[in-house]
Amino acid sequence: MAEPVYRRVVVKLSGEYLAGPHSHGIDQPTVDRIADDLIAAQKLGIEIAVVVGGGNMVRGVEVSSQGVSRPTGDTMGMLATVMNCLALEAAIQRKGSPALALSAFVMPEVCELFTRAAAHKALAEGRIVVLGGGTGNPYFTTDTTAVLRAAEIGAQAVLKATNVDGVYSADPKKDPAAKRFDRLTHSQAIEGGYKVMDATAFALARETSLPIIVFSIAEPGAIGAMLRGEGRGTVVAG
């Protein structure tokens, strides 16, 4: 078995993926399968933090388009990510592995507040750290949150889990001629306008020299495969 390429990573999961085959909400079998993948990847000797989106519950941009202010809509979306984090934390713990949910918002009755010290301590203790609440500020996506948290906790890479096996020149589900990239620079990703992550996330990754690995999480074991350098994906770096 190949040795892991990285020793501390942030995995970015979309909220929509947690809905499984449903249009919204939390699909428990899907959450359990992701928990299994995270636990298996951690057993490779890797410290793992997870940033989860909230699109299966509330999307701030959609709420604000209906008349709610953008800051309020984004706050609702960030609170949705906390619910997803609690579901994932519970699934990991139920399977016998330690996990800790940390939120960008102060909510002591629900979970601990994110600080770099708290995250470092939990990772050193062998916990999978699940990060909710986005950045705690409106106008920033959870993609940007993943890169920000990775930089803050000294992670070596961000693993962006999606429904496709990398970055394409166009939507491969709509354009059969779409070109798949094995590797891109951060600048190429920004200039190409590829929608797999927002430009702010790519720009922050460029500024902090963090590689972003885009891969499909559809197959069980995909996280571990990417960490061993055996999976199929696109590396955005340099």
Foldseek 3Di string as FASTA:
>chain_A
DFQFPWAEEEEEEEQCVQCPPDRADGDLVSLLLVLVLVVVLVVSNHQYEYEYWQVRPADLVVVVVVPDPSFVSQQVRQVSSLVVLVSNQVSNVVVPAHAFEEECDDDVVRHHHDDLVVSLVCSVVSYHYYYTRQNVGTPDGSLLSRLVVCLSNVTQAYEYEDQAAEFWLDPCVVDVPIHGAQEEELVCCLVSVTVSDDNNSSVSCQVSQHKYWYGYPPDRNQVNCVRSVNGGYYIYGD
